[in-house]
C-alpha atoms as a PDB file:
ATOM      1  CA  MET A   1      78.261 131.674 144.190  1.00  0.00           C
ATOM      2  CA  SER A   2      81.094 133.392 142.319  1.00  0.00           C
ATOM      3  CA  VAL A   3      83.213 136.541 142.693  1.00  0.00           C
ATOM      4  CA  VAL A   4      82.827 139.344 140.156  1.00  0.00           C
ATOM      5  CA  VAL A   5      84.530 142.729 139.886  1.00  0.00           C
ATOM      6  CA  ILE A   6      83.418 145.993 138.318  1.00  0.00           C
ATOM      7  CA  GLY A   7      85.500 149.134 138.377  1.00  0.00           C
ATOM      8  CA  LEU A   8      87.207 152.188 136.936  1.00  0.00           C
ATOM      9  CA  SER A   9      90.940 152.768 137.271  1.00  0.00           C
ATOM     10  CA  HIS A  10      93.746 154.906 135.927  1.00  0.00           C
ATOM     11  CA  ARG A  11      94.083 152.299 133.176  1.00  0.00           C
ATOM     12  CA  SER A  12      90.506 152.649 131.937  1.00  0.00           C
ATOM     13  CA  SER A  13      89.403 156.218 132.652  1.00  0.00           C
ATOM     14  CA  PRO A  14      90.801 159.706 133.353  1.00  0.00           C
ATOM     15  CA  VAL A  15      90.746 161.339 136.767  1.00  0.00           C
ATOM     16  CA  GLU A  16      87.898 163.614 135.595  1.00  0.00           C
ATOM     17  CA  LEU A  17      85.656 160.544 135.422  1.00  0.00           C
ATOM     18  CA  ARG A  18      87.081 158.598 138.380  1.00  0.00           C
ATOM     19  CA  GLU A  19      86.418 161.471 140.754  1.00  0.00           C
ATOM     20  CA  ARG A  20      82.736 161.365 139.809  1.00  0.00           C
ATOM     21  CA  PHE A  21      82.502 157.822 141.199  1.00  0.00           C
ATOM     22  CA  ALA A  22      84.730 158.141 144.277  1.00  0.00           C
ATOM     23  CA  PHE A  23      83.165 156.952 147.552  1.00  0.00           C
ATOM     24  CA  VAL A  24      83.611 158.898 150.766  1.00  0.00           C
ATOM     25  CA  GLU A  25      84.771 156.333 153.327  1.00  0.00           C
ATOM     26  CA  ALA A  26      82.069 157.245 155.845  1.00  0.00           C
ATOM     27  CA  LYS A  27      79.379 156.455 153.269  1.00  0.00           C
ATOM     28  CA  ILE A  28      80.736 153.090 152.133  1.00  0.00           C
ATOM     29  CA  PRO A  29      78.979 150.973 154.815  1.00  0.00           C
ATOM     30  CA  ASP A  30      75.581 152.345 153.779  1.00  0.00           C
ATOM     31  CA  ALA A  31      76.428 151.826 150.111  1.00  0.00           C
ATOM     32  CA  LEU A  32      77.343 148.203 150.804  1.00  0.00           C
ATOM     33  CA  LYS A  33      74.136 147.747 152.770  1.00  0.00           C
ATOM     34  CA  ALA A  34      72.067 149.119 149.886  1.00  0.00           C
ATOM     35  CA  LEU A  35      73.895 146.950 147.366  1.00  0.00           C
ATOM     36  CA  ARG A  36      73.260 143.766 149.343  1.00  0.00           C
ATOM     37  CA  ALA A  37      69.669 144.728 150.043  1.00  0.00           C
ATOM     38  CA  SER A  38      69.075 145.021 146.300  1.00  0.00           C
ATOM     39  CA  GLY A  39      69.867 141.329 145.913  1.00  0.00           C
ATOM     40  CA  THR A  40      72.686 141.939 143.445  1.00  0.00           C
ATOM     41  CA  ALA A  41      75.362 140.771 145.869  1.00  0.00           C
ATOM     42  CA  HIS A  42      75.371 138.518 148.921  1.00  0.00           C
ATOM     43  CA  GLU A  43      78.772 139.867 149.931  1.00  0.00           C
ATOM     44  CA  ALA A  44      80.576 143.003 148.813  1.00  0.00           C
ATOM     45  CA  VAL A  45      83.669 145.157 149.290  1.00  0.00           C
ATOM     46  CA  ILE A  46      84.135 148.662 147.874  1.00  0.00           C
ATOM     47  CA  LEU A  47      87.659 149.919 147.185  1.00  0.00           C
ATOM     48  CA  SER A  48      87.937 153.663 146.490  1.00  0.00           C
ATOM     49  CA  THR A  49      91.394 155.257 146.084  1.00  0.00           C
ATOM     50  CA  CYS A  50      92.939 158.043 144.035  1.00  0.00           C
ATOM     51  CA  ASN A  51      93.563 155.589 141.198  1.00  0.00           C
ATOM     52  CA  ARG A  52      90.567 153.255 141.272  1.00  0.00           C
ATOM     53  CA  VAL A  53      86.981 152.659 142.306  1.00  0.00           C
ATOM     54  CA  GLU A  54      86.090 148.946 142.410  1.00  0.00           C
ATOM     55  CA  ILE A  55      83.290 146.760 143.709  1.00  0.00           C
ATOM     56  CA  TYR A  56      84.087 143.152 144.564  1.00  0.00           C
ATOM     57  CA  ALA A  57      80.902 141.125 144.881  1.00  0.00           C
ATOM     58  CA  ALA A  58      79.999 137.525 145.663  1.00  0.00           C
ATOM     59  CA  THR A  59      76.791 136.789 143.773  1.00  0.00           C
ATOM     60  CA  ASN A  60      74.511 134.009 142.550  1.00  0.00           C
ATOM     61  CA  LEU A  61      73.588 136.005 139.448  1.00  0.00           C
ATOM     62  CA  GLU A  62      74.941 135.236 136.015  1.00  0.00           C
ATOM     63  CA  PRO A  63      77.929 137.517 135.323  1.00  0.00           C
ATOM     64  CA  ALA A  64      76.181 139.536 132.602  1.00  0.00           C
ATOM     65  CA  GLN A  65      73.236 140.345 134.873  1.00  0.00           C
ATOM     66  CA  ALA A  66      75.502 141.066 137.844  1.00  0.00           C
ATOM     67  CA  PHE A  67      77.594 143.472 135.747  1.00  0.00           C
ATOM     68  CA  ALA A  68      74.525 145.308 134.475  1.00  0.00           C
ATOM     69  CA  GLU A  69      73.119 145.731 137.976  1.00  0.00           C
ATOM     70  CA  LEU A  70      76.466 146.751 139.487  1.00  0.00           C
ATOM     71  CA  LYS A  71      77.006 149.335 136.754  1.00  0.00           C
ATOM     72  CA  GLN A  72      73.532 150.733 137.391  1.00  0.00           C
ATOM     73  CA  PHE A  73      74.274 150.796 141.124  1.00  0.00           C
ATOM     74  CA  LEU A  74      77.399 152.881 140.471  1.00  0.00           C
ATOM     75  CA  LYS A  75      75.519 155.305 138.240  1.00  0.00           C
ATOM     76  CA  THR A  76      72.538 155.657 140.587  1.00  0.00           C
ATOM     77  CA  THR A  77      74.674 156.090 143.707  1.00  0.00           C
ATOM     78  CA  HIS A  78      76.623 158.916 142.076  1.00  0.00           C
ATOM     79  CA  ALA A  79      73.744 160.466 140.075  1.00  0.00           C
ATOM     80  CA  PHE A  80      75.525 159.813 136.797  1.00  0.00           C
ATOM     81  CA  ASP A  81      73.270 159.824 133.720  1.00  0.00           C
ATOM     82  CA  ALA A  82      75.735 159.498 130.851  1.00  0.00           C
ATOM     83  CA  PRO A  83      76.448 156.068 129.320  1.00  0.00           C
ATOM     84  CA  LEU A  84      79.434 154.043 130.555  1.00  0.00           C
ATOM     85  CA  THR A  85      81.175 151.701 128.127  1.00  0.00           C
ATOM     86  CA  GLU A  86      84.902 150.960 127.932  1.00  0.00           C
ATOM     87  CA  GLU A  87      85.596 153.227 130.930  1.00  0.00           C
ATOM     88  CA  VAL A  88      84.280 150.449 133.189  1.00  0.00           C
ATOM     89  CA  TYR A  89      85.834 146.985 133.303  1.00  0.00           C
ATOM     90  CA  THR A  90      83.969 143.870 134.367  1.00  0.00           C
ATOM     91  CA  LEU A  91      85.563 140.570 135.378  1.00  0.00           C
ATOM     92  CA  ALA A  92      84.153 137.161 136.316  1.00  0.00           C
ATOM     93  CA  GLU A  93      86.012 134.144 137.725  1.00  0.00           C
ATOM     94  CA  PRO A  94      88.822 133.308 137.320  1.00  0.00           C
ATOM     95  CA  GLN A  95      89.790 136.740 135.939  1.00  0.00           C
ATOM     96  CA  SER A  96      88.159 138.518 138.885  1.00  0.00           C
ATOM     97  CA  LEU A  97      90.364 136.671 141.374  1.00  0.00           C
ATOM     98  CA  HIS A  98      93.429 137.185 139.213  1.00  0.00           C
ATOM     99  CA  HIS A  99      92.667 140.918 139.210  1.00  0.00           C
ATOM    100  CA  LEU A 100      92.210 141.021 142.990  1.00  0.00           C
ATOM    101  CA  PHE A 101      95.578 139.329 143.501  1.00  0.00           C
ATOM    102  CA  LYS A 102      97.268 141.722 141.044  1.00  0.00           C
ATOM    103  CA  VAL A 103      95.795 144.726 142.847  1.00  0.00           C
ATOM    104  CA  ALA A 104      97.000 143.415 146.216  1.00  0.00           C
ATOM    105  CA  CYS A 105     100.512 142.893 144.802  1.00  0.00           C
ATOM    106  CA  GLY A 106     100.683 146.362 143.270  1.00  0.00           C
ATOM    107  CA  LEU A 107     100.852 144.980 139.729  1.00  0.00           C
ATOM    108  CA  ASP A 108      97.795 146.919 138.569  1.00  0.00           C
ATOM    109  CA  SER A 109      98.945 150.171 140.162  1.00  0.00           C
ATOM    110  CA  MET A 110     100.093 153.324 138.425  1.00  0.00           C
ATOM    111  CA  VAL A 111     103.519 152.689 139.956  1.00  0.00           C
ATOM    112  CA  VAL A 112     104.039 148.959 139.523  1.00  0.00           C
ATOM    113  CA  GLY A 113     105.023 147.285 142.784  1.00  0.00           C
ATOM    114  CA  GLU A 114     103.906 150.121 145.061  1.00  0.00           C
ATOM    115  CA  THR A 115     102.900 149.129 148.568  1.00  0.00           C
ATOM    116  CA  GLU A 116     100.198 151.672 149.487  1.00  0.00           C
ATOM    117  CA  ILE A 117      97.478 149.787 147.631  1.00  0.00           C
ATOM    118  CA  LEU A 118      97.835 146.720 149.850  1.00  0.00           C
ATOM    119  CA  GLY A 119      97.094 148.828 152.918  1.00  0.00           C
ATOM    120  CA  GLN A 120      94.171 150.476 151.147  1.00  0.00           C
ATOM    121  CA  LEU A 121      92.797 147.087 150.091  1.00  0.00           C
ATOM    122  CA  LYS A 122      93.088 145.752 153.647  1.00  0.00           C
ATOM    123  CA  LYS A 123      91.318 148.835 154.971  1.00  0.00           C
ATOM    124  CA  ALA A 124      88.476 148.433 152.451  1.00  0.00           C
ATOM    125  CA  TYR A 125      88.103 144.762 153.342  1.00  0.00           C
ATOM    126  CA  ASP A 126      88.189 145.448 157.105  1.00  0.00           C
ATOM    127  CA  LEU A 127      85.492 148.113 156.716  1.00  0.00           C
ATOM    128  CA  ALA A 128      83.198 145.657 154.924  1.00  0.00           C
ATOM    129  CA  LEU A 129      84.041 142.897 157.397  1.00  0.00           C
ATOM    130  CA  GLN A 130      83.309 145.064 160.456  1.00  0.00           C
ATOM    131  CA  HIS A 131      79.875 145.923 159.080  1.00  0.00           C
ATOM    132  CA  GLN A 132      79.195 142.263 158.239  1.00  0.00           C
ATOM    133  CA  HIS A 133      79.067 142.726 154.480  1.00  0.00           C
ATOM    134  CA  THR A 134      81.466 139.881 153.722  1.00  0.00           C
ATOM    135  CA  GLY A 135      81.144 136.129 154.157  1.00  0.00           C
ATOM    136  CA  GLY A 136      82.989 132.932 153.407  1.00  0.00           C
ATOM    137  CA  LYS A 137      83.507 133.639 149.711  1.00  0.00           C
ATOM    138  CA  LEU A 138      85.080 137.094 149.909  1.00  0.00           C
ATOM    139  CA  ASN A 139      86.800 136.397 153.216  1.00  0.00           C
ATOM    140  CA  LYS A 140      88.717 133.551 151.630  1.00  0.00           C
ATOM    141  CA  ALA A 141      89.473 135.491 148.452  1.00  0.00           C
ATOM    142  CA  PHE A 142      90.801 138.561 150.243  1.00  0.00           C
ATOM    143  CA  GLN A 143      92.799 136.632 152.819  1.00  0.00           C
ATOM    144  CA  ARG A 144      94.394 134.666 150.007  1.00  0.00           C
ATOM    145  CA  ALA A 145      95.121 137.915 148.149  1.00  0.00           C
ATOM    146  CA  PHE A 146      96.958 139.289 151.172  1.00  0.00           C
ATOM    147  CA  ASN A 147      98.996 136.092 151.427  1.00  0.00           C
ATOM    148  CA  VAL A 148      99.897 136.250 147.738  1.00  0.00           C
ATOM    149  CA  ALA A 149     101.039 139.863 148.156  1.00  0.00           C
ATOM    150  CA  LYS A 150     103.349 138.782 150.979  1.00  0.00           C
ATOM    151  CA  HIS A 151     104.676 135.923 148.849  1.00  0.00           C
ATOM    152  CA  VAL A 152     105.395 138.263 145.932  1.00  0.00           C
ATOM    153  CA  ARG A 153     107.188 140.721 148.211  1.00  0.00           C
ATOM    154  CA  THR A 154     109.507 138.044 149.544  1.00  0.00           C
ATOM    155  CA  GLU A 155     110.067 136.006 146.368  1.00  0.00           C
ATOM    156  CA  THR A 156     110.559 138.789 143.769  1.00  0.00           C
ATOM    157  CA  SER A 157     112.244 142.174 143.411  1.00  0.00           C
ATOM    158  CA  ILE A 158     109.135 143.939 142.146  1.00  0.00           C
ATOM    159  CA  GLN A 159     109.278 146.535 144.924  1.00  0.00           C
ATOM    160  CA  ARG A 160     112.866 147.655 144.512  1.00  0.00           C
ATOM    161  CA  GLY A 161     113.410 151.333 143.774  1.00  0.00           C
ATOM    162  CA  SER A 162     110.845 154.129 143.871  1.00  0.00           C
ATOM    163  CA  VAL A 163     107.576 152.247 144.112  1.00  0.00           C
ATOM    164  CA  SER A 164     104.950 154.583 145.543  1.00  0.00           C
ATOM    165  CA  VAL A 165     102.897 157.551 144.467  1.00  0.00           C
ATOM    166  CA  ALA A 166     104.713 159.556 147.141  1.00  0.00           C
ATOM    167  CA  SER A 167     108.163 158.693 145.829  1.00  0.00           C
ATOM    168  CA  VAL A 168     107.157 159.458 142.255  1.00  0.00           C
ATOM    169  CA  ALA A 169     105.861 162.833 143.453  1.00  0.00           C
ATOM    170  CA  VAL A 170     109.259 163.502 144.998  1.00  0.00           C
ATOM    171  CA  GLU A 171     111.006 162.527 141.746  1.00  0.00           C
ATOM    172  CA  LEU A 172     108.825 165.091 139.992  1.00  0.00           C
ATOM    173  CA  ALA A 173     109.688 167.769 142.555  1.00  0.00           C
ATOM    174  CA  GLN A 174     113.384 167.140 141.976  1.00  0.00           C
ATOM    175  CA  LYS A 175     112.931 167.570 138.227  1.00  0.00           C
ATOM    176  CA  ILE A 176     111.229 170.931 138.770  1.00  0.00           C
ATOM    177  CA  PHE A 177     113.661 172.319 141.348  1.00  0.00           C
ATOM    178  CA  GLU A 178     116.798 170.243 140.630  1.00  0.00           C
ATOM    179  CA  SER A 179     117.444 170.095 144.372  1.00  0.00           C
ATOM    180  CA  LEU A 180     115.038 170.028 147.297  1.00  0.00           C
ATOM    181  CA  ASN A 181     117.552 171.646 149.646  1.00  0.00           C
ATOM    182  CA  ASP A 182     116.110 174.802 151.227  1.00  0.00           C
ATOM    183  CA  ARG A 183     112.680 174.076 149.761  1.00  0.00           C
ATOM    184  CA  HIS A 184     109.687 174.602 152.018  1.00  0.00           C
ATOM    185  CA  VAL A 185     106.801 172.153 151.747  1.00  0.00           C
ATOM    186  CA  MET A 186     103.160 172.178 152.768  1.00  0.00           C
ATOM    187  CA  VAL A 187     101.105 169.031 153.138  1.00  0.00           C
ATOM    188  CA  ILE A 188      97.354 169.642 152.971  1.00  0.00           C
ATOM    189  CA  GLY A 189      95.527 166.635 154.410  1.00  0.00           C
ATOM    190  CA  ALA A 190      97.415 164.448 156.877  1.00  0.00           C
ATOM    191  CA  GLY A 191      96.434 161.059 155.459  1.00  0.00           C
ATOM    192  CA  ASP A 192      98.663 158.055 154.871  1.00  0.00           C
ATOM    193  CA  THR A 193      99.830 159.071 151.384  1.00  0.00           C
ATOM    194  CA  SER A 194     100.456 162.645 152.512  1.00  0.00           C
ATOM    195  CA  GLU A 195     102.538 161.421 155.428  1.00  0.00           C
ATOM    196  CA  LYS A 196     104.641 159.181 153.176  1.00  0.00           C
ATOM    197  CA  THR A 197     105.129 162.065 150.755  1.00  0.00           C
ATOM    198  CA  ALA A 198     106.250 164.382 153.545  1.00  0.00           C
ATOM    199  CA  ARG A 199     108.748 161.806 154.810  1.00  0.00           C
ATOM    200  CA  ALA A 200     110.102 161.257 151.306  1.00  0.00           C
ATOM    201  CA  LEU A 201     110.539 164.995 150.739  1.00  0.00           C
ATOM    202  CA  LEU A 202     112.406 165.387 154.013  1.00  0.00           C
ATOM    203  CA  SER A 203     114.650 162.449 153.191  1.00  0.00           C
ATOM    204  CA  ARG A 204     115.589 164.176 149.914  1.00  0.00           C
ATOM    205  CA  GLY A 205     116.591 167.424 151.643  1.00  0.00           C
ATOM    206  CA  ALA A 206     113.449 169.531 152.062  1.00  0.00           C
ATOM    207  CA  LYS A 207     114.107 172.216 154.675  1.00  0.00           C
ATOM    208  CA  SER A 208     110.729 172.365 156.425  1.00  0.00           C
ATOM    209  CA  ILE A 209     107.268 170.831 156.490  1.00  0.00           C
ATOM    210  CA  ILE A 210     104.008 172.614 157.272  1.00  0.00           C
ATOM    211  CA  VAL A 211     100.979 170.400 157.889  1.00  0.00           C
ATOM    212  CA  ALA A 212      97.355 171.470 157.522  1.00  0.00           C
ATOM    213  CA  ASN A 213      94.494 169.101 158.291  1.00  0.00           C
ATOM    214  CA  ARG A 214      90.837 169.419 159.241  1.00  0.00           C
ATOM    215  CA  SER A 215      91.683 167.669 162.510  1.00  0.00           C
ATOM    216  CA  HIS A 216      94.246 170.044 164.004  1.00  0.00           C
ATOM    217  CA  ASP A 217      95.284 167.435 166.568  1.00  0.00           C
ATOM    218  CA  ARG A 218      96.234 165.076 163.734  1.00  0.00           C
ATOM    219  CA  ALA A 219      98.112 167.882 161.945  1.00  0.00           C
ATOM    220  CA  LEU A 220      99.962 168.758 165.134  1.00  0.00           C
ATOM    221  CA  ALA A 221     100.875 165.125 165.822  1.00  0.00           C
ATOM    222  CA  LEU A 222     102.256 164.593 162.323  1.00  0.00           C
ATOM    223  CA  ALA A 223     104.094 167.925 162.294  1.00  0.00           C
ATOM    224  CA  THR A 224     105.710 167.120 165.646  1.00  0.00           C
ATOM    225  CA  GLU A 225     106.767 163.696 164.384  1.00  0.00           C
ATOM    226  CA  LEU A 226     108.322 165.236 161.263  1.00  0.00           C
ATOM    227  CA  GLY A 227     109.927 168.175 163.013  1.00  0.00           C
ATOM    228  CA  GLY A 228     107.642 170.626 161.257  1.00  0.00           C
ATOM    229  CA  SER A 229     104.802 172.936 162.200  1.00  0.00           C
ATOM    230  CA  ALA A 230     101.008 172.679 162.049  1.00  0.00           C
ATOM    231  CA  VAL A 231      98.528 175.302 160.925  1.00  0.00           C
ATOM    232  CA  SER A 232      94.763 175.514 161.108  1.00  0.00           C
ATOM    233  CA  PHE A 233      93.075 174.076 158.056  1.00  0.00           C
ATOM    234  CA  ASP A 234      91.141 177.319 157.635  1.00  0.00           C
ATOM    235  CA  ASN A 235      94.409 179.282 157.464  1.00  0.00           C
ATOM    236  CA  TRP A 236      96.629 177.085 155.265  1.00  0.00           C
ATOM    237  CA  ALA A 237      96.519 179.588 152.394  1.00  0.00           C
ATOM    238  CA  VAL A 238      98.256 182.210 154.545  1.00  0.00           C
ATOM    239  CA  GLU A 239     101.386 180.034 154.514  1.00  0.00           C
ATOM    240  CA  PHE A 240     101.625 180.019 150.699  1.00  0.00           C
ATOM    241  CA  GLU A 241     103.949 183.023 150.803  1.00  0.00           C
ATOM    242  CA  LYS A 242     106.631 180.799 152.374  1.00  0.00           C
ATOM    243  CA  ILE A 243     106.361 177.499 150.517  1.00  0.00           C
ATOM    244  CA  ASP A 244     107.731 176.072 147.265  1.00  0.00           C
ATOM    245  CA  ILE A 245     105.816 172.796 147.088  1.00  0.00           C
ATOM    246  CA  ALA A 246     102.283 171.858 148.146  1.00  0.00           C
ATOM    247  CA  ILE A 247     101.055 168.260 148.298  1.00  0.00           C
ATOM    248  CA  SER A 248      97.270 168.133 148.564  1.00  0.00           C
ATOM    249  CA  SER A 249      95.305 165.020 149.463  1.00  0.00           C
ATOM    250  CA  THR A 250      92.126 165.847 151.351  1.00  0.00           C
ATOM    251  CA  ALA A 251      88.731 164.179 151.281  1.00  0.00           C
ATOM    252  CA  ALA A 252      86.994 167.417 150.253  1.00  0.00           C
ATOM    253  CA  PRO A 253      84.127 166.868 147.799  1.00  0.00           C
ATOM    254  CA  HIS A 254      85.055 170.077 145.917  1.00  0.00           C
ATOM    255  CA  HIS A 255      88.115 172.108 144.927  1.00  0.00           C
ATOM    256  CA  ILE A 256      89.853 173.778 147.868  1.00  0.00           C
ATOM    257  CA  LEU A 257      92.113 175.862 145.614  1.00  0.00           C
ATOM    258  CA  ASP A 258      91.212 177.602 142.353  1.00  0.00           C
ATOM    259  CA  ARG A 259      92.602 180.444 140.250  1.00  0.00           C
ATOM    260  CA  ALA A 260      90.665 183.175 142.047  1.00  0.00           C
ATOM    261  CA  LYS A 261      92.105 182.055 145.393  1.00  0.00           C
ATOM    262  CA  LEU A 262      95.642 181.442 144.118  1.00  0.00           C
ATOM    263  CA  GLU A 263      96.242 184.654 142.136  1.00  0.00           C
ATOM    264  CA  PRO A 264      96.528 186.980 145.170  1.00  0.00           C
ATOM    265  CA  LEU A 265      98.690 184.383 146.920  1.00  0.00           C
ATOM    266  CA  MET A 266     101.108 184.305 143.984  1.00  0.00           C
ATOM    267  CA  LYS A 267     101.478 188.091 144.207  1.00  0.00           C
ATOM    268  CA  LEU A 268     102.484 187.741 147.858  1.00  0.00           C
ATOM    269  CA  ARG A 269     105.049 185.128 146.814  1.00  0.00           C
ATOM    270  CA  LYS A 270     106.429 187.582 144.196  1.00  0.00           C
ATOM    271  CA  HIS A 271     105.721 184.884 141.595  1.00  0.00           C
ATOM    272  CA  ARG A 272     108.373 182.446 142.763  1.00  0.00           C
ATOM    273  CA  PRO A 273     107.790 179.046 141.105  1.00  0.00           C
ATOM    274  CA  LEU A 274     105.202 176.928 142.908  1.00  0.00           C
ATOM    275  CA  LEU A 275     104.802 173.177 142.454  1.00  0.00           C
ATOM    276  CA  LEU A 276     101.342 171.800 143.255  1.00  0.00           C
ATOM    277  CA  ILE A 277     100.876 168.036 143.394  1.00  0.00           C
ATOM    278  CA  ASP A 278      97.229 167.072 143.707  1.00  0.00           C
ATOM    279  CA  ILE A 279      96.918 163.417 144.693  1.00  0.00           C
ATOM    280  CA  ALA A 280      93.305 163.679 145.829  1.00  0.00           C
ATOM    281  CA  VAL A 281      90.298 162.157 144.081  1.00  0.00           C
ATOM    282  CA  PRO A 282      88.047 164.091 143.785  1.00  0.00           C
ATOM    283  CA  ARG A 283      90.741 166.638 142.936  1.00  0.00           C
ATOM    284  CA  ASP A 284      91.556 169.364 145.460  1.00  0.00           C
ATOM    285  CA  ILE A 285      92.946 171.868 142.955  1.00  0.00           C
ATOM    286  CA  HIS A 286      91.073 173.242 139.964  1.00  0.00           C
ATOM    287  CA  PRO A 287      92.945 172.354 136.746  1.00  0.00           C
ATOM    288  CA  GLU A 288      92.728 175.949 135.479  1.00  0.00           C
ATOM    289  CA  VAL A 289      95.511 177.037 137.863  1.00  0.00           C
ATOM    290  CA  ASN A 290      97.983 175.175 135.648  1.00  0.00           C
ATOM    291  CA  SER A 291      97.663 177.986 133.094  1.00  0.00           C
ATOM    292  CA  MET A 292      98.921 180.554 135.604  1.00  0.00           C
ATOM    293  CA  PRO A 293     102.500 181.870 135.250  1.00  0.00           C
ATOM    294  CA  ASP A 294     105.056 180.202 137.562  1.00  0.00           C
ATOM    295  CA  VAL A 295     102.554 177.540 138.704  1.00  0.00           C
ATOM    296  CA  TYR A 296     103.147 173.851 137.957  1.00  0.00           C
ATOM    297  CA  LEU A 297     100.191 171.593 138.715  1.00  0.00           C
ATOM    298  CA  TYR A 298     100.265 167.795 138.479  1.00  0.00           C
ATOM    299  CA  ASN A 299      97.479 165.365 139.380  1.00  0.00           C
ATOM    300  CA  VAL A 300      97.547 161.603 139.885  1.00  0.00           C
ATOM    301  CA  ASP A 301      97.270 160.903 136.154  1.00  0.00           C
ATOM    302  CA  ASP A 302     100.192 163.208 135.395  1.00  0.00           C
ATOM    303  CA  LEU A 303     102.400 160.989 137.564  1.00  0.00           C
ATOM    304  CA  GLN A 304     101.874 158.193 135.046  1.00  0.00           C
ATOM    305  CA  THR A 305     104.771 159.343 132.836  1.00  0.00           C
ATOM    306  CA  ILE A 306     107.307 158.810 135.597  1.00  0.00           C
ATOM    307  CA  ALA A 307     105.620 155.565 136.590  1.00  0.00           C
ATOM    308  CA  ASN A 308     106.030 154.232 133.036  1.00  0.00           C
ATOM    309  CA  ASP A 309     109.802 154.548 133.352  1.00  0.00           C
ATOM    310  CA  TYR A 310     109.705 152.285 136.402  1.00  0.00           C
ATOM    311  CA  LEU A 311     107.462 149.877 134.526  1.00  0.00           C
ATOM    312  CA  LYS A 312     110.160 149.252 131.920  1.00  0.00           C
ATOM    313  CA  GLN A 313     112.665 148.429 134.652  1.00  0.00           C
ATOM    314  CA  ARG A 314     110.311 145.889 136.234  1.00  0.00           C
ATOM    315  CA  HIS A 315     109.207 143.928 133.168  1.00  0.00           C
ATOM    316  CA  GLU A 316     111.009 140.693 134.059  1.00  0.00           C
ATOM    317  CA  GLU A 317     109.836 140.806 137.660  1.00  0.00           C
ATOM    318  CA  ILE A 318     106.272 141.387 136.506  1.00  0.00           C
ATOM    319  CA  GLU A 319     106.416 138.122 134.538  1.00  0.00           C
ATOM    320  CA  ARG A 320     107.553 136.258 137.664  1.00  0.00           C
ATOM    321  CA  CYS A 321     104.751 137.809 139.695  1.00  0.00           C
ATOM    322  CA  GLU A 322     102.166 136.909 137.048  1.00  0.00           C
ATOM    323  CA  LYS A 323     103.208 133.258 137.193  1.00  0.00           C
ATOM    324  CA  ILE A 324     102.883 133.242 140.982  1.00  0.00           C
ATOM    325  CA  ILE A 325      99.449 134.862 140.832  1.00  0.00           C
ATOM    326  CA  SER A 326      98.165 132.488 138.134  1.00  0.00           C
ATOM    327  CA  GLU A 327      99.194 129.496 140.208  1.00  0.00           C
ATOM    328  CA  LYS A 328      97.600 130.901 143.373  1.00  0.00           C
ATOM    329  CA  VAL A 329      94.316 131.534 141.541  1.00  0.00           C
ATOM    330  CA  ARG A 330      94.361 127.955 140.269  1.00  0.00           C
ATOM    331  CA  VAL A 331      94.937 126.717 143.816  1.00  0.00           C
ATOM    332  CA  LEU A 332      92.086 128.842 145.196  1.00  0.00           C
ATOM    333  CA  LEU A 333      89.622 127.511 142.623  1.00  0.00           C
ATOM    334  CA  ASN A 334      90.887 123.895 142.783  1.00  0.00           C
ATOM    335  CA  PRO A 335      92.251 123.399 146.310  1.00  0.00           C
ATOM    336  CA  LYS A 336      92.050 119.600 146.347  1.00  0.00           C
ATOM    337  CA  SER A 337      94.434 119.283 143.427  1.00  0.00           C
ATOM    338  CA  SER A 338      97.222 121.295 145.021  1.00  0.00           C
ATOM    339  CA  THR A 339      99.936 120.937 147.624  1.00  0.00           C
ATOM    340  CA  ASP A 340      98.478 124.051 149.254  1.00  0.00           C
ATOM    341  CA  PHE A 341      95.421 122.010 150.183  1.00  0.00           C
ATOM    342  CA  ALA A 342      97.598 119.631 152.191  1.00  0.00           C
ATOM    343  CA  ASP A 343      99.260 122.584 153.855  1.00  0.00           C
ATOM    344  CA  GLU A 344      95.848 124.025 154.792  1.00  0.00           C
ATOM    345  CA  ARG A 345      94.743 120.675 156.261  1.00  0.00           C
ATOM    346  CA  ARG A 346      97.859 120.526 158.416  1.00  0.00           C
ATOM    347  CA  LEU A 347      97.100 124.045 159.692  1.00  0.00           C
ATOM    348  CA  LYS A 348      93.523 123.107 160.532  1.00  0.00           C
ATOM    349  CA  PHE A 349      94.363 119.680 161.980  1.00  0.00           C
ATOM    350  CA  PRO A 350      97.700 119.847 163.830  1.00  0.00           C
ATOM    351  CA  HIS A 351      97.520 116.143 164.781  1.00  0.00           C
ATOM    352  CA  LEU A 352      98.070 115.269 161.117  1.00  0.00           C
ATOM    353  CA  ARG A 353     101.408 117.073 161.227  1.00  0.00           C
ATOM    354  CA  LYS A 354     102.355 115.203 164.403  1.00  0.00           C
ATOM    355  CA  SER A 355     101.415 111.880 162.839  1.00  0.00           C
ATOM    356  CA  ALA A 356     103.516 112.663 159.793  1.00  0.00           C
ATOM    357  CA  GLN A 357     106.455 113.616 161.979  1.00  0.00           C
ATOM    358  CA  SER A 358     106.084 110.369 163.950  1.00  0.00           C
ATOM    359  CA  ALA A 359     106.074 108.381 160.717  1.00  0.00           C
ATOM    360  CA  ASP A 360     109.297 110.112 159.685  1.00  0.00           C
END
């Protein structure tokens, strides 16, 4: 049995396509169940974020057949009839494991070295594990990936500086407004990335935070923690008269803001500049609003320009990380030929460590 990967990411496809294949978290367990029932995969994990949709599968099929069936699974699950070619990447061992380790370390992220993806990867793995869709093969691969990510964090400087989607969003806000002092911010969707963005904005001088979330209790809890205020999700648009920046990251399957809804709100604001940062996939804000006067809309792909600047700064550290990952993949595939194997045996059989200490 081997591990294969199929996916779409910000490197291979635009957000317009990625949002078509995004998985709602609540539906992932059933999707995994259907995938395993089809016989394509014995074990599987689905990772769906704003920047990537990936399926990690342990299978007995030949890679070419596994890739064909996984691609068809993606298309069928999302009712997608058009052909998929270079937009989808497919990887077999050892490249599949190398990719998993890179994702865990933030090396394949839009912002190289960012830390959010590790938490998202752990959450995706835990979801599959809880519903018994993983086994020995993927359990070992993912646990090793998490260990490699920890090793990279401690042994390199890859995460120095602004290394998250949230921090890049804040950099963008500062370029638009020069200073965030006295700027009023709304966060629509109180998820992890939204929370980090709100904290980053406050740390850079934002005057106030308004939080809107479908769960008002969650919005109230986050607003209280940040010293802001919470509003009902149904009434967030009313607050647009007051704000300068809106960060939107909901799990809505459709646009929550379009031109028809925004135009009367801009009149109430007397056409003061408004920065909209849409970090949701599927997107929360219809792209047509970007053509409106005094409105500046950026989605997750638009953040890539700023991220590329950070990439140049991290080139040497990336090389160090790549060497670490390559060695860890080699160890995973050939454990008996490595010092790590001896370390694992000592962990499993403590008496061996005691014997060695006695001999010393």
